[in-house]
PDB file of N, CA and C in Angstrom:
ATOM      1  N   MET A   1     117.216  87.663  90.516  1.00  0.00           N
ATOM      2  CA  MET A   1     116.333  88.035  89.422  1.00  0.00           C
ATOM      3  C   MET A   1     116.476  89.533  89.167  1.00  0.00           C
ATOM      4  N   GLU A   2     116.929  89.900  88.002  1.00  0.00           N
ATOM      5  CA  GLU A   2     117.201  91.285  87.665  1.00  0.00           C
ATOM      6  C   GLU A   2     115.988  91.964  87.051  1.00  0.00           C
ATOM      7  N   CYS A   3     115.880  93.268  87.285  1.00  0.00           N
ATOM      8  CA  CYS A   3     114.832  94.092  86.682  1.00  0.00           C
ATOM      9  C   CYS A   3     115.490  95.084  85.730  1.00  0.00           C
ATOM     10  N   PRO A   4     114.743  95.556  84.734  1.00  0.00           N
ATOM     11  CA  PRO A   4     115.282  96.608  83.867  1.00  0.00           C
ATOM     12  C   PRO A   4     115.614  97.851  84.701  1.00  0.00           C
ATOM     13  N   THR A   5     116.566  98.627  84.229  1.00  0.00           N
ATOM     14  CA  THR A   5     116.939  99.850  84.940  1.00  0.00           C
ATOM     15  C   THR A   5     115.747 100.799  85.001  1.00  0.00           C
ATOM     16  N   ILE A   6     115.534 101.351  86.187  1.00  0.00           N
ATOM     17  CA  ILE A   6     114.471 102.323  86.424  1.00  0.00           C
ATOM     18  C   ILE A   6     115.141 103.679  86.528  1.00  0.00           C
ATOM     19  N   THR A   7     114.713 104.637  85.713  1.00  0.00           N
ATOM     20  CA  THR A   7     115.283 105.980  85.760  1.00  0.00           C
ATOM     21  C   THR A   7     114.238 106.951  86.286  1.00  0.00           C
ATOM     22  N   LEU A   8     114.545 107.551  87.424  1.00  0.00           N
ATOM     23  CA  LEU A   8     113.675 108.545  88.027  1.00  0.00           C
ATOM     24  C   LEU A   8     114.166 109.918  87.594  1.00  0.00           C
ATOM     25  N   THR A   9     113.245 110.820  87.283  1.00  0.00           N
ATOM     26  CA  THR A   9     113.600 112.164  86.832  1.00  0.00           C
ATOM     27  C   THR A   9     113.213 113.189  87.895  1.00  0.00           C
ATOM     28  N   GLY A  10     113.753 114.379  87.763  1.00  0.00           N
ATOM     29  CA  GLY A  10     113.460 115.439  88.714  1.00  0.00           C
ATOM     30  C   GLY A  10     114.099 115.197  90.070  1.00  0.00           C
ATOM     31  N   VAL A  11     115.179 114.417  90.088  1.00  0.00           N
ATOM     32  CA  VAL A  11     115.843 114.070  91.347  1.00  0.00           C
ATOM     33  C   VAL A  11     116.948 115.090  91.620  1.00  0.00           C
ATOM     34  N   THR A  12     116.536 116.196  92.211  1.00  0.00           N
ATOM     35  CA  THR A  12     117.457 117.250  92.624  1.00  0.00           C
ATOM     36  C   THR A  12     118.199 116.797  93.881  1.00  0.00           C
ATOM     37  N   ARG A  13     119.106 117.626  94.374  1.00  0.00           N
ATOM     38  CA  ARG A  13     119.829 117.311  95.613  1.00  0.00           C
ATOM     39  C   ARG A  13     118.838 117.097  96.755  1.00  0.00           C
ATOM     40  N   ALA A  14     117.832 117.957  96.873  1.00  0.00           N
ATOM     41  CA  ALA A  14     116.852 117.829  97.963  1.00  0.00           C
ATOM     42  C   ALA A  14     116.068 116.521  97.849  1.00  0.00           C
ATOM     43  N   VAL A  15     115.680 116.164  96.637  1.00  0.00           N
ATOM     44  CA  VAL A  15     114.935 114.919  96.423  1.00  0.00           C
ATOM     45  C   VAL A  15     115.828 113.722  96.729  1.00  0.00           C
ATOM     46  N   TYR A  16     117.069 113.761  96.250  1.00  0.00           N
ATOM     47  CA  TYR A  16     118.003 112.661  96.503  1.00  0.00           C
ATOM     48  C   TYR A  16     118.234 112.478  97.997  1.00  0.00           C
ATOM     49  N   ASP A  17     118.483 113.578  98.703  1.00  0.00           N
ATOM     50  CA  ASP A  17     118.695 113.498 100.153  1.00  0.00           C
ATOM     51  C   ASP A  17     117.474 112.920 100.859  1.00  0.00           C
ATOM     52  N   CYS A  18     116.294 113.318 100.426  1.00  0.00           N
ATOM     53  CA  CYS A  18     115.052 112.791 100.995  1.00  0.00           C
ATOM     54  C   CYS A  18     114.934 111.288 100.748  1.00  0.00           C
ATOM     55  N   LEU A  19     115.237 110.844  99.536  1.00  0.00           N
ATOM     56  CA  LEU A  19     115.160 109.413  99.213  1.00  0.00           C
ATOM     57  C   LEU A  19     116.148 108.604 100.053  1.00  0.00           C
ATOM     58  N   VAL A  20     117.353 109.128 100.223  1.00  0.00           N
ATOM     59  CA  VAL A  20     118.355 108.435 101.039  1.00  0.00           C
ATOM     60  C   VAL A  20     117.871 108.347 102.480  1.00  0.00           C
ATOM     61  N   LYS A  21     117.330 109.433 102.989  1.00  0.00           N
ATOM     62  CA  LYS A  21     116.814 109.447 104.363  1.00  0.00           C
ATOM     63  C   LYS A  21     115.691 108.424 104.537  1.00  0.00           C
ATOM     64  N   ARG A  22     114.778 108.372 103.570  1.00  0.00           N
ATOM     65  CA  ARG A  22     113.671 107.405 103.629  1.00  0.00           C
ATOM     66  C   ARG A  22     114.203 105.972 103.593  1.00  0.00           C
ATOM     67  N   ALA A  23     115.163 105.713 102.716  1.00  0.00           N
ATOM     68  CA  ALA A  23     115.735 104.364 102.600  1.00  0.00           C
ATOM     69  C   ALA A  23     116.415 103.957 103.904  1.00  0.00           C
ATOM     70  N   LYS A  24     117.168 104.869 104.477  1.00  0.00           N
ATOM     71  CA  LYS A  24     117.859 104.565 105.735  1.00  0.00           C
ATOM     72  C   LYS A  24     116.866 104.333 106.869  1.00  0.00           C
ATOM     73  N   SER A  25     115.739 105.055 106.857  1.00  0.00           N
ATOM     74  CA  SER A  25     114.730 104.863 107.904  1.00  0.00           C
ATOM     75  C   SER A  25     114.084 103.479 107.809  1.00  0.00           C
ATOM     76  N   LEU A  26     114.156 102.876 106.621  1.00  0.00           N
ATOM     77  CA  LEU A  26     113.641 101.522 106.417  1.00  0.00           C
ATOM     78  C   LEU A  26     114.702 100.461 106.707  1.00  0.00           C
ATOM     79  N   GLY A  27     115.886 100.924 107.067  1.00  0.00           N
ATOM     80  CA  GLY A  27     116.964  99.995 107.383  1.00  0.00           C
ATOM     81  C   GLY A  27     117.819  99.598 106.198  1.00  0.00           C
ATOM     82  N   LEU A  28     117.637 100.252 105.054  1.00  0.00           N
ATOM     83  CA  LEU A  28     118.442  99.931 103.875  1.00  0.00           C
ATOM     84  C   LEU A  28     119.816 100.587 104.006  1.00  0.00           C
ATOM     85  N   PRO A  29     120.875  99.840 103.764  1.00  0.00           N
ATOM     86  CA  PRO A  29     122.234 100.359 103.925  1.00  0.00           C
ATOM     87  C   PRO A  29     122.711 101.128 102.694  1.00  0.00           C
ATOM     88  N   VAL A  30     122.191 102.317 102.485  1.00  0.00           N
ATOM     89  CA  VAL A  30     122.550 103.116 101.317  1.00  0.00           C
ATOM     90  C   VAL A  30     123.923 103.744 101.537  1.00  0.00           C
ATOM     91  N   PRO A  31     124.851 103.541 100.609  1.00  0.00           N
ATOM     92  CA  PRO A  31     126.189 104.139 100.745  1.00  0.00           C
ATOM     93  C   PRO A  31     126.118 105.666 100.690  1.00  0.00           C
ATOM     94  N   THR A  32     127.155 106.322 101.158  1.00  0.00           N
ATOM     95  CA  THR A  32     127.176 107.781 101.141  1.00  0.00           C
ATOM     96  C   THR A  32     127.528 108.338  99.762  1.00  0.00           C
ATOM     97  N   GLU A  33     128.110 107.525  98.893  1.00  0.00           N
ATOM     98  CA  GLU A  33     128.436 107.960  97.539  1.00  0.00           C
ATOM     99  C   GLU A  33     127.150 108.130  96.727  1.00  0.00           C
ATOM    100  N   THR A  34     127.260 108.832  95.604  1.00  0.00           N
ATOM    101  CA  THR A  34     126.082 109.054  94.761  1.00  0.00           C
ATOM    102  C   THR A  34     125.911 107.978  93.694  1.00  0.00           C
ATOM    103  N   SER A  35     126.792 106.998  93.702  1.00  0.00           N
ATOM    104  CA  SER A  35     126.612 105.832  92.829  1.00  0.00           C
ATOM    105  C   SER A  35     127.291 104.646  93.489  1.00  0.00           C
ATOM    106  N   GLY A  36     126.833 103.489  93.122  1.00  0.00           N
ATOM    107  CA  GLY A  36     127.398 102.280  93.703  1.00  0.00           C
ATOM    108  C   GLY A  36     126.366 101.186  93.780  1.00  0.00           C
ATOM    109  N   ASN A  37     126.482 100.359  94.804  1.00  0.00           N
ATOM    110  CA  ASN A  37     125.514  99.279  94.970  1.00  0.00           C
ATOM    111  C   ASN A  37     125.313  99.034  96.455  1.00  0.00           C
ATOM    112  N   PHE A  38     124.195  98.388  96.741  1.00  0.00           N
ATOM    113  CA  PHE A  38     123.929  97.992  98.118  1.00  0.00           C
ATOM    114  C   PHE A  38     123.091  96.728  98.110  1.00  0.00           C
ATOM    115  N   ALA A  39     123.149  96.022  99.211  1.00  0.00           N
ATOM    116  CA  ALA A  39     122.396  94.771  99.355  1.00  0.00           C
ATOM    117  C   ALA A  39     121.726  94.760 100.715  1.00  0.00           C
ATOM    118  N   TYR A  40     120.590  94.107 100.760  1.00  0.00           N
ATOM    119  CA  TYR A  40     119.838  93.973 102.006  1.00  0.00           C
ATOM    120  C   TYR A  40     119.004  92.713 101.915  1.00  0.00           C
ATOM    121  N   ALA A  41     119.202  91.820 102.852  1.00  0.00           N
ATOM    122  CA  ALA A  41     118.472  90.541 102.870  1.00  0.00           C
ATOM    123  C   ALA A  41     118.608  89.853 101.511  1.00  0.00           C
ATOM    124  N   ASP A  42     117.488  89.618 100.833  1.00  0.00           N
ATOM    125  CA  ASP A  42     117.487  88.913  99.543  1.00  0.00           C
ATOM    126  C   ASP A  42     117.485  89.862  98.351  1.00  0.00           C
ATOM    127  N   ALA A  43     117.885  91.111  98.559  1.00  0.00           N
ATOM    128  CA  ALA A  43     117.828  92.095  97.480  1.00  0.00           C
ATOM    129  C   ALA A  43     119.182  92.785  97.317  1.00  0.00           C
ATOM    130  N   ALA A  44     119.445  93.198  96.086  1.00  0.00           N
ATOM    131  CA  ALA A  44     120.653  93.968  95.785  1.00  0.00           C
ATOM    132  C   ALA A  44     120.356  94.886  94.610  1.00  0.00           C
ATOM    133  N   ALA A  45     120.990  96.054  94.611  1.00  0.00           N
ATOM    134  CA  ALA A  45     120.744  97.022  93.543  1.00  0.00           C
ATOM    135  C   ALA A  45     121.984  97.855  93.278  1.00  0.00           C
ATOM    136  N   ASP A  46     122.091  98.338  92.044  1.00  0.00           N
ATOM    137  CA  ASP A  46     123.081  99.328  91.648  1.00  0.00           C
ATOM    138  C   ASP A  46     122.323 100.638  91.474  1.00  0.00           C
ATOM    139  N   PHE A  47     122.969 101.759  91.785  1.00  0.00           N
ATOM    140  CA  PHE A  47     122.316 103.046  91.597  1.00  0.00           C
ATOM    141  C   PHE A  47     123.331 104.067  91.117  1.00  0.00           C
ATOM    142  N   ASP A  48     122.832 105.084  90.417  1.00  0.00           N
ATOM    143  CA  ASP A  48     123.687 106.159  89.919  1.00  0.00           C
ATOM    144  C   ASP A  48     122.852 107.431  89.848  1.00  0.00           C
ATOM    145  N   TRP A  49     123.179 108.388  90.710  1.00  0.00           N
ATOM    146  CA  TRP A  49     122.493 109.673  90.705  1.00  0.00           C
ATOM    147  C   TRP A  49     123.320 110.666  89.916  1.00  0.00           C
ATOM    148  N   ASN A  50     122.712 111.303  88.914  1.00  0.00           N
ATOM    149  CA  ASN A  50     123.364 112.323  88.104  1.00  0.00           C
ATOM    150  C   ASN A  50     122.753 113.661  88.497  1.00  0.00           C
ATOM    151  N   GLU A  51     123.475 114.410  89.298  1.00  0.00           N
ATOM    152  CA  GLU A  51     122.935 115.675  89.817  1.00  0.00           C
ATOM    153  C   GLU A  51     122.645 116.673  88.697  1.00  0.00           C
ATOM    154  N   GLU A  52     123.543 116.782  87.726  1.00  0.00           N
ATOM    155  CA  GLU A  52     123.338 117.726  86.613  1.00  0.00           C
ATOM    156  C   GLU A  52     122.074 117.412  85.834  1.00  0.00           C
ATOM    157  N   ALA A  53     121.848 116.153  85.540  1.00  0.00           N
ATOM    158  CA  ALA A  53     120.667 115.741  84.776  1.00  0.00           C
ATOM    159  C   ALA A  53     119.446 115.550  85.673  1.00  0.00           C
ATOM    160  N   ALA A  54     119.635 115.566  86.976  1.00  0.00           N
ATOM    161  CA  ALA A  54     118.570 115.343  87.966  1.00  0.00           C
ATOM    162  C   ALA A  54     117.871 114.007  87.720  1.00  0.00           C
ATOM    163  N   THR A  55     118.696 112.966  87.507  1.00  0.00           N
ATOM    164  CA  THR A  55     118.157 111.618  87.309  1.00  0.00           C
ATOM    165  C   THR A  55     118.796 110.651  88.293  1.00  0.00           C
ATOM    166  N   LEU A  56     118.048 109.636  88.634  1.00  0.00           N
ATOM    167  CA  LEU A  56     118.540 108.557  89.479  1.00  0.00           C
ATOM    168  C   LEU A  56     118.201 107.249  88.780  1.00  0.00           C
ATOM    169  N   ALA A  57     119.232 106.517  88.383  1.00  0.00           N
ATOM    170  CA  ALA A  57     119.049 105.228  87.713  1.00  0.00           C
ATOM    171  C   ALA A  57     119.289 104.119  88.735  1.00  0.00           C
ATOM    172  N   ILE A  58     118.341 103.207  88.817  1.00  0.00           N
ATOM    173  CA  ILE A  58     118.420 102.100  89.773  1.00  0.00           C
ATOM    174  C   ILE A  58     118.203 100.800  89.017  1.00  0.00           C
ATOM    175  N   THR A  59     119.112  99.846  89.203  1.00  0.00           N
ATOM    176  CA  THR A  59     118.977  98.516  88.612  1.00  0.00           C
ATOM    177  C   THR A  59     118.916  97.501  89.743  1.00  0.00           C
ATOM    178  N   ILE A  60     117.819  96.789  89.823  1.00  0.00           N
ATOM    179  CA  ILE A  60     117.666  95.745  90.825  1.00  0.00           C
ATOM    180  C   ILE A  60     118.342  94.493  90.269  1.00  0.00           C
ATOM    181  N   ASN A  61     119.364  94.023  90.967  1.00  0.00           N
ATOM    182  CA  ASN A  61     120.113  92.849  90.530  1.00  0.00           C
ATOM    183  C   ASN A  61     119.598  91.555  91.145  1.00  0.00           C
ATOM    184  N   ARG A  62     118.985  91.678  92.311  1.00  0.00           N
ATOM    185  CA  ARG A  62     118.459  90.496  93.008  1.00  0.00           C
ATOM    186  C   ARG A  62     117.291  90.941  93.872  1.00  0.00           C
ATOM    187  N   LYS A  63     116.233  90.137  93.896  1.00  0.00           N
ATOM    188  CA  LYS A  63     115.057  90.420  94.702  1.00  0.00           C
ATOM    189  C   LYS A  63     114.356  89.119  95.024  1.00  0.00           C
ATOM    190  N   PRO A  64     113.518  89.110  96.057  1.00  0.00           N
ATOM    191  CA  PRO A  64     112.747  87.898  96.343  1.00  0.00           C
ATOM    192  C   PRO A  64     111.825  87.568  95.169  1.00  0.00           C
ATOM    193  N   GLY A  65     111.566  86.303  94.964  1.00  0.00           N
ATOM    194  CA  GLY A  65     110.734  85.870  93.845  1.00  0.00           C
ATOM    195  C   GLY A  65     109.309  86.392  93.876  1.00  0.00           C
ATOM    196  N   TRP A  66     108.791  86.656  95.066  1.00  0.00           N
ATOM    197  CA  TRP A  66     107.402  87.119  95.164  1.00  0.00           C
ATOM    198  C   TRP A  66     107.262  88.614  94.881  1.00  0.00           C
ATOM    199  N   VAL A  67     108.379  89.321  94.765  1.00  0.00           N
ATOM    200  CA  VAL A  67     108.361  90.750  94.464  1.00  0.00           C
ATOM    201  C   VAL A  67     108.561  90.912  92.963  1.00  0.00           C
ATOM    202  N   THR A  68     107.624  91.589  92.303  1.00  0.00           N
ATOM    203  CA  THR A  68     107.750  91.800  90.863  1.00  0.00           C
ATOM    204  C   THR A  68     108.524  93.081  90.578  1.00  0.00           C
ATOM    205  N   CYS A  69     109.062  93.170  89.374  1.00  0.00           N
ATOM    206  CA  CYS A  69     109.764  94.384  88.955  1.00  0.00           C
ATOM    207  C   CYS A  69     108.798  95.569  88.936  1.00  0.00           C
ATOM    208  N   ASP A  70     107.553  95.331  88.555  1.00  0.00           N
ATOM    209  CA  ASP A  70     106.548  96.400  88.553  1.00  0.00           C
ATOM    210  C   ASP A  70     106.306  96.921  89.961  1.00  0.00           C
ATOM    211  N   MET A  71     106.294  96.043  90.950  1.00  0.00           N
ATOM    212  CA  MET A  71     106.117  96.458  92.341  1.00  0.00           C
ATOM    213  C   MET A  71     107.270  97.356  92.780  1.00  0.00           C
ATOM    214  N   VAL A  72     108.476  96.959  92.444  1.00  0.00           N
ATOM    215  CA  VAL A  72     109.659  97.739  92.810  1.00  0.00           C
ATOM    216  C   VAL A  72     109.593  99.120  92.164  1.00  0.00           C
ATOM    217  N   GLU A  73     109.314  99.156  90.873  1.00  0.00           N
ATOM    218  CA  GLU A  73     109.258 100.433  90.165  1.00  0.00           C
ATOM    219  C   GLU A  73     108.172 101.335  90.742  1.00  0.00           C
ATOM    220  N   SER A  74     107.020 100.779  91.026  1.00  0.00           N
ATOM    221  CA  SER A  74     105.917 101.556  91.590  1.00  0.00           C
ATOM    222  C   SER A  74     106.317 102.181  92.926  1.00  0.00           C
ATOM    223  N   GLN A  75     106.951 101.402  93.791  1.00  0.00           N
ATOM    224  CA  GLN A  75     107.358 101.910  95.098  1.00  0.00           C
ATOM    225  C   GLN A  75     108.440 102.986  94.960  1.00  0.00           C
ATOM    226  N   LEU A  76     109.374 102.795  94.057  1.00  0.00           N
ATOM    227  CA  LEU A  76     110.426 103.795  93.855  1.00  0.00           C
ATOM    228  C   LEU A  76     109.855 105.103  93.319  1.00  0.00           C
ATOM    229  N   ARG A  77     108.953 105.010  92.353  1.00  0.00           N
ATOM    230  CA  ARG A  77     108.356 106.224  91.787  1.00  0.00           C
ATOM    231  C   ARG A  77     107.481 106.950  92.819  1.00  0.00           C
ATOM    232  N   GLN A  78     106.782 106.180  93.628  1.00  0.00           N
ATOM    233  CA  GLN A  78     105.961 106.764  94.683  1.00  0.00           C
ATOM    234  C   GLN A  78     106.839 107.495  95.708  1.00  0.00           C
ATOM    235  N   ALA A  79     107.943 106.885  96.091  1.00  0.00           N
ATOM    236  CA  ALA A  79     108.865 107.526  97.035  1.00  0.00           C
ATOM    237  C   ALA A  79     109.456 108.803  96.439  1.00  0.00           C
ATOM    238  N   ALA A  80     109.826 108.767  95.154  1.00  0.00           N
ATOM    239  CA  ALA A  80     110.383 109.963  94.498  1.00  0.00           C
ATOM    240  C   ALA A  80     109.359 111.090  94.476  1.00  0.00           C
ATOM    241  N   ARG A  81     108.110 110.777  94.143  1.00  0.00           N
ATOM    242  CA  ARG A  81     107.061 111.798  94.135  1.00  0.00           C
ATOM    243  C   ARG A  81     106.841 112.361  95.537  1.00  0.00           C
ATOM    244  N   ALA A  82     106.866 111.512  96.558  1.00  0.00           N
ATOM    245  CA  ALA A  82     106.677 111.961  97.941  1.00  0.00           C
ATOM    246  C   ALA A  82     107.799 112.900  98.372  1.00  0.00           C
ATOM    247  N   CYS A  83     108.952 112.756  97.759  1.00  0.00           N
ATOM    248  CA  CYS A  83     110.102 113.615  98.072  1.00  0.00           C
ATOM    249  C   CYS A  83     110.183 114.837  97.183  1.00  0.00           C
ATOM    250  N   GLY A  84     109.245 114.985  96.239  1.00  0.00           N
ATOM    251  CA  GLY A  84     109.218 116.150  95.375  1.00  0.00           C
ATOM    252  C   GLY A  84     109.748 115.947  93.978  1.00  0.00           C
ATOM    253  N   GLY A  85     110.098 114.692  93.625  1.00  0.00           N
ATOM    254  CA  GLY A  85     110.581 114.381  92.276  1.00  0.00           C
ATOM    255  C   GLY A  85     109.428 114.098  91.332  1.00  0.00           C
ATOM    256  N   ALA A  86     109.767 113.770  90.104  1.00  0.00           N
ATOM    257  CA  ALA A  86     108.750 113.481  89.088  1.00  0.00           C
ATOM    258  C   ALA A  86     108.410 112.006  89.065  1.00  0.00           C
TER     259      ALA A  86
END
């Protein structure tokens, strides 16, 4: 089940590094590249960080049925704010 692309703003290098660290601490296998895709259990996503524009675009391609797209977006935005992003 796919969700619309979520674009986070204010994602500087420090914010991006913080988000990657948080994701890895949760056991998510985030690649070392700044764009690509990853999968974990019943979920998969594509991501693309644009350092110049300070944006991170994330598209959820697969997720458990009980998880809504709004839930995913809320958690991503909360994590970005906790790391200093917008």
